[in-house]
Amino acid sequence: MITAYVDESAALELGCYLLAAVVVDDADVEHARTAMRALQVGTGKLHWHTEGPERRLKIVSEVAALGHLSVVVVGHGVGRRQERGRRKCLEVLLPELATLGVARAVFETRAAYDRQDQAMIAACRSKGLIDRAFRVEFGFPAGPAGEPLLWLADAVCGAVLAERRGDGTYAMLLREHLHVIEIDAR
């Protein structure tokens, strides 16, 4: 089975919202988890926002070395209505993942908003964008530090946002396995 690990980011100053999915064949899951845990400092999760430039470079280099396809939907025209931007991005990302053979998507939980995401997923099913067999899960299957494979998507989001802010160093390393889709999310 093929699973996509999905994370989000927003840059209100740029008016954009991003959903990044890293596609991992289940046969490669333990190798990828081990690689990400090796980058962990302490017991917390890796988070792009809290890492310095050298650590970011090390993290993105490892993500690139793993060689998993990353799909990023960048929604433009997002202001304070981030949830609308997220829904627009979901409506594009989920069918894109389905066409790649992804059978399951794992999202970091946003407890207060998971129901809204589930409603959007149901809408995608009713529109025929994804079928009922496409599974979507929310949460942290790997304990308090989170699912290490979600860290992959966090790093991809960070790299793409850094490029939008003028530093293409990180995204350049991912370019071979990076597919970016630009949409109007207003």
N, C-alpha and C. Protein backbone atom coordinates (compact mmCIF):
# COMPACT_ATOMS: atom_id res chain seq x y z
N MET A 1 0.85 -1.18 0.00
CA MET A 1 0.00 0.00 0.00
C MET A 1 0.90 1.25 0.00
N ILE A 2 0.38 2.29 -0.59
CA ILE A 2 1.11 3.57 -0.64
C ILE A 2 0.35 4.57 0.22
N THR A 3 1.10 5.26 1.09
CA THR A 3 0.52 6.23 2.02
C THR A 3 1.15 7.60 1.79
N ALA A 4 0.34 8.62 1.91
CA ALA A 4 0.83 10.00 1.85
C ALA A 4 0.76 10.58 3.25
N TYR A 5 1.82 11.22 3.68
CA TYR A 5 1.89 11.89 4.98
C TYR A 5 1.80 13.38 4.69
N VAL A 6 0.81 14.04 5.29
CA VAL A 6 0.43 15.38 4.88
C VAL A 6 0.58 16.37 6.04
N ASP A 7 1.17 17.52 5.73
CA ASP A 7 1.27 18.61 6.70
C ASP A 7 0.94 19.91 5.99
N GLU A 8 0.73 20.93 6.76
CA GLU A 8 0.30 22.23 6.26
C GLU A 8 1.24 23.32 6.71
N SER A 9 1.14 24.43 6.03
CA SER A 9 1.81 25.64 6.44
C SER A 9 1.08 26.81 5.79
N ALA A 10 1.22 27.96 6.39
CA ALA A 10 0.60 29.16 5.83
C ALA A 10 1.57 30.32 5.98
N ALA A 11 1.51 31.21 5.03
CA ALA A 11 2.29 32.44 5.09
C ALA A 11 1.33 33.57 4.74
N LEU A 12 0.75 34.13 5.78
CA LEU A 12 -0.24 35.18 5.56
C LEU A 12 0.36 36.39 4.87
N GLU A 13 1.64 36.68 5.14
CA GLU A 13 2.28 37.83 4.50
C GLU A 13 2.41 37.62 2.99
N LEU A 14 2.40 36.36 2.56
CA LEU A 14 2.46 36.03 1.13
C LEU A 14 1.08 35.70 0.57
N GLY A 15 0.10 35.61 1.46
CA GLY A 15 -1.25 35.27 1.03
C GLY A 15 -1.39 33.85 0.52
N CYS A 16 -0.60 32.93 1.11
CA CYS A 16 -0.69 31.55 0.61
C CYS A 16 -0.82 30.53 1.72
N TYR A 17 -1.40 29.41 1.35
CA TYR A 17 -1.60 28.26 2.23
C TYR A 17 -1.06 27.05 1.48
N LEU A 18 -0.31 26.21 2.19
CA LEU A 18 0.29 25.04 1.55
C LEU A 18 -0.14 23.76 2.23
N LEU A 19 -0.40 22.75 1.42
CA LEU A 19 -0.55 21.39 1.90
C LEU A 19 0.51 20.57 1.17
N ALA A 20 1.37 19.91 1.95
CA ALA A 20 2.42 19.08 1.36
C ALA A 20 2.18 17.63 1.74
N ALA A 21 2.31 16.76 0.76
CA ALA A 21 2.16 15.33 0.98
C ALA A 21 3.42 14.63 0.50
N VAL A 22 3.96 13.77 1.33
CA VAL A 22 5.11 12.97 0.94
C VAL A 22 4.60 11.54 0.79
N VAL A 23 4.81 10.98 -0.37
CA VAL A 23 4.27 9.68 -0.75
C VAL A 23 5.30 8.59 -0.42
N VAL A 24 4.89 7.65 0.43
CA VAL A 24 5.81 6.61 0.89
C VAL A 24 5.16 5.24 0.71
N ASP A 25 5.85 4.37 0.01
CA ASP A 25 5.39 2.98 -0.09
C ASP A 25 5.54 2.35 1.28
N ASP A 26 4.55 1.59 1.72
CA ASP A 26 4.60 1.00 3.06
C ASP A 26 5.83 0.13 3.28
N ALA A 27 6.41 -0.41 2.22
CA ALA A 27 7.64 -1.20 2.36
C ALA A 27 8.82 -0.34 2.80
N ASP A 28 8.74 0.98 2.59
CA ASP A 28 9.83 1.89 2.94
C ASP A 28 9.60 2.65 4.24
N VAL A 29 8.48 2.41 4.90
CA VAL A 29 8.09 3.21 6.07
C VAL A 29 9.12 3.14 7.19
N GLU A 30 9.54 1.96 7.57
CA GLU A 30 10.47 1.85 8.71
C GLU A 30 11.82 2.48 8.41
N HIS A 31 12.29 2.34 7.19
CA HIS A 31 13.56 2.98 6.81
C HIS A 31 13.44 4.50 6.93
N ALA A 32 12.33 5.05 6.43
CA ALA A 32 12.13 6.50 6.48
C ALA A 32 11.96 6.99 7.92
N ARG A 33 11.22 6.25 8.73
CA ARG A 33 11.05 6.63 10.15
C ARG A 33 12.40 6.63 10.86
N THR A 34 13.19 5.61 10.62
CA THR A 34 14.52 5.53 11.25
C THR A 34 15.38 6.72 10.85
N ALA A 35 15.35 7.08 9.57
CA ALA A 35 16.13 8.21 9.08
C ALA A 35 15.69 9.51 9.73
N MET A 36 14.40 9.69 9.88
CA MET A 36 13.91 10.93 10.49
C MET A 36 14.20 10.96 11.99
N ARG A 37 14.02 9.84 12.67
CA ARG A 37 14.32 9.80 14.10
C ARG A 37 15.79 10.07 14.37
N ALA A 38 16.66 9.68 13.45
CA ALA A 38 18.10 9.93 13.61
C ALA A 38 18.40 11.42 13.61
N LEU A 39 17.52 12.23 13.05
CA LEU A 39 17.69 13.68 13.03
C LEU A 39 17.10 14.37 14.25
N GLN A 40 16.37 13.62 15.03
CA GLN A 40 15.66 14.17 16.19
C GLN A 40 16.64 14.58 17.28
N VAL A 41 16.39 15.73 17.85
CA VAL A 41 17.18 16.20 18.99
C VAL A 41 16.25 16.13 20.19
N GLY A 42 16.61 15.36 21.19
CA GLY A 42 15.73 15.19 22.35
C GLY A 42 14.57 14.27 22.00
N THR A 43 13.42 14.51 22.64
CA THR A 43 12.28 13.63 22.43
C THR A 43 11.16 14.28 21.64
N GLY A 44 11.31 15.54 21.29
CA GLY A 44 10.25 16.24 20.55
C GLY A 44 10.31 15.96 19.07
N LYS A 45 9.28 16.41 18.38
CA LYS A 45 9.24 16.22 16.94
C LYS A 45 10.12 17.25 16.24
N LEU A 46 10.52 16.94 15.03
CA LEU A 46 11.21 17.93 14.20
C LEU A 46 10.17 18.92 13.72
N HIS A 47 10.50 20.18 13.76
CA HIS A 47 9.57 21.19 13.28
C HIS A 47 10.37 22.27 12.59
N TRP A 48 10.11 22.46 11.31
CA TRP A 48 10.86 23.41 10.48
C TRP A 48 10.99 24.77 11.14
N HIS A 49 9.90 25.24 11.68
CA HIS A 49 9.83 26.58 12.24
C HIS A 49 10.86 26.81 13.35
N THR A 50 11.19 25.78 14.11
CA THR A 50 12.09 25.93 15.24
C THR A 50 13.54 25.58 14.92
N GLU A 51 13.81 25.15 13.71
CA GLU A 51 15.17 24.74 13.33
C GLU A 51 15.94 25.91 12.72
N GLY A 52 17.24 25.91 12.95
CA GLY A 52 18.11 26.91 12.34
C GLY A 52 18.52 26.49 10.93
N PRO A 53 19.21 27.37 10.20
CA PRO A 53 19.57 27.09 8.81
C PRO A 53 20.39 25.81 8.60
N GLU A 54 21.36 25.55 9.47
CA GLU A 54 22.18 24.34 9.30
C GLU A 54 21.36 23.08 9.50
N ARG A 55 20.51 23.07 10.52
CA ARG A 55 19.65 21.91 10.77
C ARG A 55 18.64 21.74 9.64
N ARG A 56 18.10 22.84 9.15
CA ARG A 56 17.16 22.75 8.04
C ARG A 56 17.82 22.11 6.82
N LEU A 57 19.04 22.52 6.55
CA LEU A 57 19.77 21.95 5.42
C LEU A 57 19.99 20.45 5.62
N LYS A 58 20.35 20.06 6.82
CA LYS A 58 20.56 18.64 7.12
C LYS A 58 19.26 17.85 6.97
N ILE A 59 18.16 18.41 7.47
CA ILE A 59 16.86 17.73 7.39
C ILE A 59 16.43 17.58 5.93
N VAL A 60 16.51 18.66 5.16
CA VAL A 60 16.08 18.61 3.76
C VAL A 60 16.99 17.69 2.96
N SER A 61 18.26 17.66 3.28
CA SER A 61 19.18 16.75 2.59
C SER A 61 18.76 15.30 2.82
N GLU A 62 18.35 15.00 4.03
CA GLU A 62 17.89 13.63 4.33
C GLU A 62 16.58 13.33 3.62
N VAL A 63 15.66 14.28 3.61
CA VAL A 63 14.39 14.09 2.90
C VAL A 63 14.69 13.83 1.42
N ALA A 64 15.58 14.60 0.83
CA ALA A 64 15.94 14.42 -0.57
C ALA A 64 16.58 13.05 -0.81
N ALA A 65 17.45 12.64 0.11
CA ALA A 65 18.13 11.35 -0.03
C ALA A 65 17.16 10.18 0.02
N LEU A 66 16.08 10.33 0.78
CA LEU A 66 15.08 9.27 0.85
C LEU A 66 14.38 9.09 -0.50
N GLY A 67 14.27 10.15 -1.28
CA GLY A 67 13.78 10.06 -2.64
C GLY A 67 12.30 9.86 -2.82
N HIS A 68 11.50 10.18 -1.81
CA HIS A 68 10.05 10.03 -1.93
C HIS A 68 9.46 11.23 -2.67
N LEU A 69 8.45 10.97 -3.49
CA LEU A 69 7.76 12.04 -4.19
C LEU A 69 7.04 12.93 -3.19
N SER A 70 7.16 14.23 -3.39
CA SER A 70 6.42 15.21 -2.59
C SER A 70 5.51 15.99 -3.52
N VAL A 71 4.25 16.11 -3.12
CA VAL A 71 3.27 16.89 -3.86
C VAL A 71 2.86 18.04 -2.95
N VAL A 72 2.99 19.26 -3.45
CA VAL A 72 2.63 20.44 -2.66
C VAL A 72 1.59 21.23 -3.44
N VAL A 73 0.48 21.52 -2.78
CA VAL A 73 -0.52 22.40 -3.36
C VAL A 73 -0.38 23.74 -2.65
N VAL A 74 -0.13 24.78 -3.45
CA VAL A 74 0.02 26.13 -2.92
C VAL A 74 -1.23 26.91 -3.31
N GLY A 75 -2.01 27.28 -2.30
CA GLY A 75 -3.21 28.07 -2.53
C GLY A 75 -2.90 29.54 -2.38
N HIS A 76 -3.14 30.31 -3.43
CA HIS A 76 -2.88 31.75 -3.41
C HIS A 76 -4.16 32.53 -3.12
N GLY A 77 -3.98 33.75 -2.63
CA GLY A 77 -5.12 34.61 -2.36
C GLY A 77 -5.75 34.35 -1.01
N VAL A 78 -4.98 33.72 -0.11
CA VAL A 78 -5.50 33.39 1.22
C VAL A 78 -5.19 34.52 2.17
N GLY A 79 -6.19 35.00 2.82
CA GLY A 79 -6.01 36.02 3.85
C GLY A 79 -6.31 35.40 5.20
N ARG A 80 -7.19 36.02 5.92
CA ARG A 80 -7.57 35.49 7.23
C ARG A 80 -8.39 34.22 7.13
N ARG A 81 -8.90 33.94 5.94
CA ARG A 81 -9.76 32.77 5.74
C ARG A 81 -8.91 31.55 5.38
N GLN A 82 -8.02 31.16 6.29
CA GLN A 82 -7.13 30.03 6.03
C GLN A 82 -7.89 28.73 5.81
N GLU A 83 -8.98 28.54 6.51
CA GLU A 83 -9.71 27.28 6.37
C GLU A 83 -10.29 27.13 4.97
N ARG A 84 -10.72 28.22 4.36
CA ARG A 84 -11.18 28.16 2.97
C ARG A 84 -10.02 27.75 2.07
N GLY A 85 -8.85 28.33 2.30
CA GLY A 85 -7.67 27.96 1.54
C GLY A 85 -7.33 26.50 1.72
N ARG A 86 -7.46 26.01 2.94
CA ARG A 86 -7.18 24.59 3.20
C ARG A 86 -8.15 23.70 2.42
N ARG A 87 -9.44 24.05 2.46
CA ARG A 87 -10.43 23.25 1.73
C ARG A 87 -10.14 23.22 0.23
N LYS A 88 -9.78 24.37 -0.31
CA LYS A 88 -9.45 24.45 -1.74
C LYS A 88 -8.23 23.58 -2.05
N CYS A 89 -7.23 23.62 -1.18
CA CYS A 89 -6.03 22.80 -1.38
C CYS A 89 -6.35 21.31 -1.25
N LEU A 90 -7.17 20.95 -0.27
CA LEU A 90 -7.58 19.55 -0.11
C LEU A 90 -8.28 19.03 -1.35
N GLU A 91 -9.14 19.86 -1.92
CA GLU A 91 -9.92 19.47 -3.09
C GLU A 91 -9.03 19.17 -4.30
N VAL A 92 -7.83 19.73 -4.31
CA VAL A 92 -6.87 19.46 -5.39
C VAL A 92 -5.92 18.34 -4.98
N LEU A 93 -5.44 18.37 -3.74
CA LEU A 93 -4.45 17.39 -3.30
C LEU A 93 -4.99 15.96 -3.27
N LEU A 94 -6.15 15.75 -2.70
CA LEU A 94 -6.65 14.38 -2.54
C LEU A 94 -6.80 13.65 -3.88
N PRO A 95 -7.44 14.25 -4.90
CA PRO A 95 -7.51 13.55 -6.19
C PRO A 95 -6.14 13.33 -6.82
N GLU A 96 -5.23 14.29 -6.64
CA GLU A 96 -3.88 14.14 -7.18
C GLU A 96 -3.20 12.91 -6.56
N LEU A 97 -3.35 12.76 -5.24
CA LEU A 97 -2.77 11.60 -4.56
C LEU A 97 -3.40 10.31 -5.06
N ALA A 98 -4.71 10.33 -5.25
CA ALA A 98 -5.41 9.13 -5.74
C ALA A 98 -4.88 8.71 -7.11
N THR A 99 -4.60 9.68 -7.98
CA THR A 99 -4.08 9.33 -9.31
C THR A 99 -2.68 8.75 -9.23
N LEU A 100 -1.97 9.02 -8.14
CA LEU A 100 -0.63 8.47 -7.94
C LEU A 100 -0.66 7.08 -7.30
N GLY A 101 -1.85 6.58 -7.02
CA GLY A 101 -1.97 5.26 -6.42
C GLY A 101 -1.94 5.26 -4.91
N VAL A 102 -2.04 6.43 -4.30
CA VAL A 102 -2.07 6.51 -2.84
C VAL A 102 -3.41 5.95 -2.36
N ALA A 103 -3.34 5.08 -1.36
CA ALA A 103 -4.54 4.46 -0.81
C ALA A 103 -4.95 5.06 0.53
N ARG A 104 -3.99 5.75 1.17
CA ARG A 104 -4.25 6.29 2.51
C ARG A 104 -3.47 7.58 2.67
N ALA A 105 -4.10 8.55 3.35
CA ALA A 105 -3.43 9.81 3.69
C ALA A 105 -3.50 9.98 5.19
N VAL A 106 -2.37 10.33 5.79
CA VAL A 106 -2.27 10.55 7.23
C VAL A 106 -1.97 12.02 7.45
N PHE A 107 -2.85 12.67 8.20
CA PHE A 107 -2.72 14.09 8.52
C PHE A 107 -2.41 14.26 10.00
N GLU A 108 -1.60 15.26 10.31
CA GLU A 108 -1.43 15.64 11.70
C GLU A 108 -2.77 16.19 12.18
N THR A 109 -3.20 15.75 13.34
CA THR A 109 -4.51 16.18 13.83
C THR A 109 -4.52 17.67 14.15
N ARG A 110 -5.62 18.28 13.85
CA ARG A 110 -5.90 19.66 14.26
C ARG A 110 -7.25 19.55 14.94
N ALA A 111 -7.24 19.02 16.14
CA ALA A 111 -8.45 18.56 16.83
C ALA A 111 -9.67 19.44 16.60
N ALA A 112 -9.53 20.72 16.70
CA ALA A 112 -10.68 21.62 16.56
C ALA A 112 -11.19 21.69 15.13
N TYR A 113 -10.38 21.25 14.16
CA TYR A 113 -10.73 21.39 12.76
C TYR A 113 -10.86 20.06 12.01
N ASP A 114 -10.59 18.94 12.65
CA ASP A 114 -10.64 17.65 11.97
C ASP A 114 -12.02 17.39 11.37
N ARG A 115 -13.07 17.82 12.04
CA ARG A 115 -14.43 17.61 11.50
C ARG A 115 -14.63 18.37 10.20
N GLN A 116 -14.08 19.57 10.12
CA GLN A 116 -14.19 20.33 8.87
C GLN A 116 -13.46 19.62 7.74
N ASP A 117 -12.28 19.07 8.06
CA ASP A 117 -11.53 18.31 7.05
C ASP A 117 -12.33 17.08 6.63
N GLN A 118 -12.93 16.39 7.59
CA GLN A 118 -13.72 15.20 7.27
C GLN A 118 -14.91 15.55 6.38
N ALA A 119 -15.52 16.70 6.61
CA ALA A 119 -16.62 17.15 5.76
C ALA A 119 -16.12 17.42 4.34
N MET A 120 -14.93 18.00 4.22
CA MET A 120 -14.37 18.26 2.89
C MET A 120 -14.02 16.95 2.19
N ILE A 121 -13.52 15.99 2.93
CA ILE A 121 -13.20 14.68 2.36
C ILE A 121 -14.49 14.02 1.85
N ALA A 122 -15.55 14.12 2.64
CA ALA A 122 -16.85 13.57 2.22
C ALA A 122 -17.34 14.28 0.95
N ALA A 123 -17.13 15.59 0.87
CA ALA A 123 -17.53 16.34 -0.32
C ALA A 123 -16.73 15.88 -1.54
N CYS A 124 -15.45 15.63 -1.35
CA CYS A 124 -14.62 15.13 -2.46
C CYS A 124 -15.12 13.77 -2.93
N ARG A 125 -15.53 12.94 -1.99
CA ARG A 125 -16.08 11.63 -2.37
C ARG A 125 -17.39 11.79 -3.13
N SER A 126 -18.26 12.66 -2.63
CA SER A 126 -19.57 12.82 -3.28
C SER A 126 -19.43 13.46 -4.68
N LYS A 127 -18.37 14.25 -4.91
CA LYS A 127 -18.11 14.83 -6.23
C LYS A 127 -17.41 13.84 -7.16
N GLY A 128 -17.03 12.69 -6.61
CA GLY A 128 -16.33 11.70 -7.42
C GLY A 128 -14.85 11.99 -7.59
N LEU A 129 -14.29 12.89 -6.78
CA LEU A 129 -12.87 13.23 -6.89
C LEU A 129 -11.98 12.14 -6.30
N ILE A 130 -12.48 11.47 -5.26
CA ILE A 130 -11.80 10.31 -4.67
C ILE A 130 -12.88 9.27 -4.39
N ASP A 131 -12.46 8.00 -4.31
CA ASP A 131 -13.46 6.98 -4.05
C ASP A 131 -13.48 6.60 -2.57
N ARG A 132 -14.42 5.79 -2.21
CA ARG A 132 -14.60 5.40 -0.80
C ARG A 132 -13.44 4.59 -0.25
N ALA A 133 -12.69 3.96 -1.11
CA ALA A 133 -11.56 3.14 -0.65
C ALA A 133 -10.37 3.99 -0.19
N PHE A 134 -10.34 5.25 -0.60
CA PHE A 134 -9.26 6.16 -0.20
C PHE A 134 -9.46 6.49 1.28
N ARG A 135 -8.52 6.07 2.12
CA ARG A 135 -8.64 6.29 3.57
C ARG A 135 -7.89 7.54 4.00
N VAL A 136 -8.48 8.24 4.95
CA VAL A 136 -7.84 9.42 5.53
C VAL A 136 -7.85 9.27 7.04
N GLU A 137 -6.69 9.47 7.65
CA GLU A 137 -6.55 9.34 9.10
C GLU A 137 -5.94 10.61 9.67
N PHE A 138 -6.31 10.90 10.92
CA PHE A 138 -5.78 12.05 11.63
C PHE A 138 -5.14 11.56 12.92
N GLY A 139 -4.02 12.19 13.32
CA GLY A 139 -3.45 11.86 14.61
C GLY A 139 -1.97 11.58 14.57
N PHE A 140 -1.50 11.09 15.70
CA PHE A 140 -0.09 10.77 15.88
C PHE A 140 0.04 9.29 16.23
N PRO A 141 0.19 8.41 15.25
CA PRO A 141 0.30 7.00 15.55
C PRO A 141 1.55 6.61 16.33
N ALA A 142 2.58 7.47 16.39
CA ALA A 142 3.85 7.06 16.98
C ALA A 142 4.14 7.70 18.34
N GLY A 143 3.15 8.12 19.10
CA GLY A 143 3.38 8.61 20.45
C GLY A 143 3.54 10.11 20.54
N PRO A 144 4.07 10.60 21.68
CA PRO A 144 4.07 12.02 21.98
C PRO A 144 4.91 12.88 21.03
N ALA A 145 5.91 12.31 20.42
CA ALA A 145 6.74 13.10 19.50
C ALA A 145 6.11 13.16 18.11
N GLY A 146 5.04 12.43 17.92
CA GLY A 146 4.35 12.46 16.63
C GLY A 146 4.84 11.38 15.69
N GLU A 147 4.23 11.36 14.54
CA GLU A 147 4.61 10.42 13.48
C GLU A 147 5.79 11.01 12.72
N PRO A 148 6.96 10.36 12.77
CA PRO A 148 8.14 10.91 12.09
C PRO A 148 7.94 11.16 10.60
N LEU A 149 7.05 10.43 9.97
CA LEU A 149 6.85 10.65 8.54
C LEU A 149 6.10 11.94 8.25
N LEU A 150 5.38 12.45 9.24
CA LEU A 150 4.78 13.78 9.09
C LEU A 150 5.86 14.86 9.08
N TRP A 151 7.00 14.57 9.69
CA TRP A 151 8.10 15.53 9.70
C TRP A 151 8.64 15.74 8.29
N LEU A 152 8.53 14.69 7.46
CA LEU A 152 8.94 14.83 6.06
C LEU A 152 8.13 15.94 5.39
N ALA A 153 6.81 15.84 5.56
CA ALA A 153 5.92 16.84 4.94
C ALA A 153 6.14 18.23 5.52
N ASP A 154 6.41 18.31 6.82
CA ASP A 154 6.70 19.60 7.45
C ASP A 154 7.95 20.23 6.81
N ALA A 155 8.97 19.42 6.57
CA ALA A 155 10.20 19.93 5.96
C ALA A 155 9.95 20.38 4.52
N VAL A 156 9.14 19.63 3.79
CA VAL A 156 8.83 20.02 2.41
C VAL A 156 8.07 21.34 2.39
N CYS A 157 7.08 21.48 3.28
CA CYS A 157 6.36 22.76 3.39
C CYS A 157 7.34 23.89 3.67
N GLY A 158 8.22 23.68 4.63
CA GLY A 158 9.19 24.70 5.01
C GLY A 158 10.10 25.08 3.86
N ALA A 159 10.55 24.09 3.10
CA ALA A 159 11.45 24.35 1.98
C ALA A 159 10.75 25.16 0.89
N VAL A 160 9.50 24.80 0.60
CA VAL A 160 8.75 25.52 -0.44
C VAL A 160 8.45 26.96 0.02
N LEU A 161 8.10 27.11 1.28
CA LEU A 161 7.86 28.47 1.80
C LEU A 161 9.13 29.30 1.81
N ALA A 162 10.24 28.69 2.18
CA ALA A 162 11.52 29.41 2.16
C ALA A 162 11.81 29.92 0.75
N GLU A 163 11.52 29.10 -0.24
CA GLU A 163 11.72 29.52 -1.63
C GLU A 163 10.82 30.71 -1.96
N ARG A 164 9.59 30.67 -1.49
CA ARG A 164 8.66 31.79 -1.73
C ARG A 164 9.15 33.07 -1.08
N ARG A 165 9.91 32.89 0.00
CA ARG A 165 10.42 34.06 0.72
C ARG A 165 11.80 34.48 0.22
N GLY A 166 12.28 33.84 -0.85
CA GLY A 166 13.52 34.25 -1.47
C GLY A 166 14.72 33.36 -1.24
N ASP A 167 14.59 32.27 -0.50
CA ASP A 167 15.71 31.36 -0.27
C ASP A 167 15.39 29.99 -0.88
N GLY A 168 15.87 29.77 -2.09
CA GLY A 168 15.59 28.53 -2.81
C GLY A 168 16.54 27.39 -2.50
N THR A 169 17.45 27.58 -1.55
CA THR A 169 18.45 26.57 -1.22
C THR A 169 17.83 25.22 -0.91
N TYR A 170 16.81 25.21 -0.08
CA TYR A 170 16.23 23.96 0.40
C TYR A 170 15.38 23.29 -0.69
N ALA A 171 14.54 24.06 -1.34
CA ALA A 171 13.66 23.49 -2.37
C ALA A 171 14.48 22.94 -3.54
N MET A 172 15.61 23.56 -3.83
CA MET A 172 16.47 23.09 -4.91
C MET A 172 16.92 21.65 -4.64
N LEU A 173 17.17 21.32 -3.39
CA LEU A 173 17.60 19.96 -3.05
C LEU A 173 16.48 18.94 -3.28
N LEU A 174 15.25 19.39 -3.17
CA LEU A 174 14.10 18.50 -3.32
C LEU A 174 13.58 18.43 -4.75
N ARG A 175 14.03 19.32 -5.61
CA ARG A 175 13.45 19.54 -6.93
C ARG A 175 13.20 18.26 -7.73
N GLU A 176 14.10 17.30 -7.66
CA GLU A 176 13.97 16.08 -8.46
C GLU A 176 12.70 15.29 -8.13
N HIS A 177 12.24 15.38 -6.88
CA HIS A 177 11.08 14.61 -6.44
C HIS A 177 9.96 15.53 -5.92
N LEU A 178 9.92 16.75 -6.43
CA LEU A 178 8.96 17.73 -5.93
C LEU A 178 8.01 18.15 -7.06
N HIS A 179 6.72 18.01 -6.77
CA HIS A 179 5.67 18.44 -7.72
C HIS A 179 4.83 19.49 -7.03
N VAL A 180 4.88 20.73 -7.53
CA VAL A 180 4.14 21.84 -6.92
C VAL A 180 2.98 22.22 -7.83
N ILE A 181 1.81 22.33 -7.23
CA ILE A 181 0.59 22.71 -7.94
C ILE A 181 0.12 24.04 -7.37
N GLU A 182 0.00 25.03 -8.22
CA GLU A 182 -0.43 26.37 -7.80
C GLU A 182 -1.93 26.52 -8.08
N ILE A 183 -2.68 27.01 -7.10
CA ILE A 183 -4.11 27.21 -7.30
C ILE A 183 -4.55 28.56 -6.73
N ASP A 184 -5.68 29.01 -7.19
CA ASP A 184 -6.32 30.19 -6.63
C ASP A 184 -7.21 29.67 -5.50
N ALA A 185 -6.95 30.07 -4.28
CA ALA A 185 -7.68 29.55 -3.11
C ALA A 185 -8.66 30.57 -2.53
N ARG A 186 -8.97 31.59 -3.29
CA ARG A 186 -9.93 32.59 -2.80
C ARG A 186 -11.33 32.05 -2.78
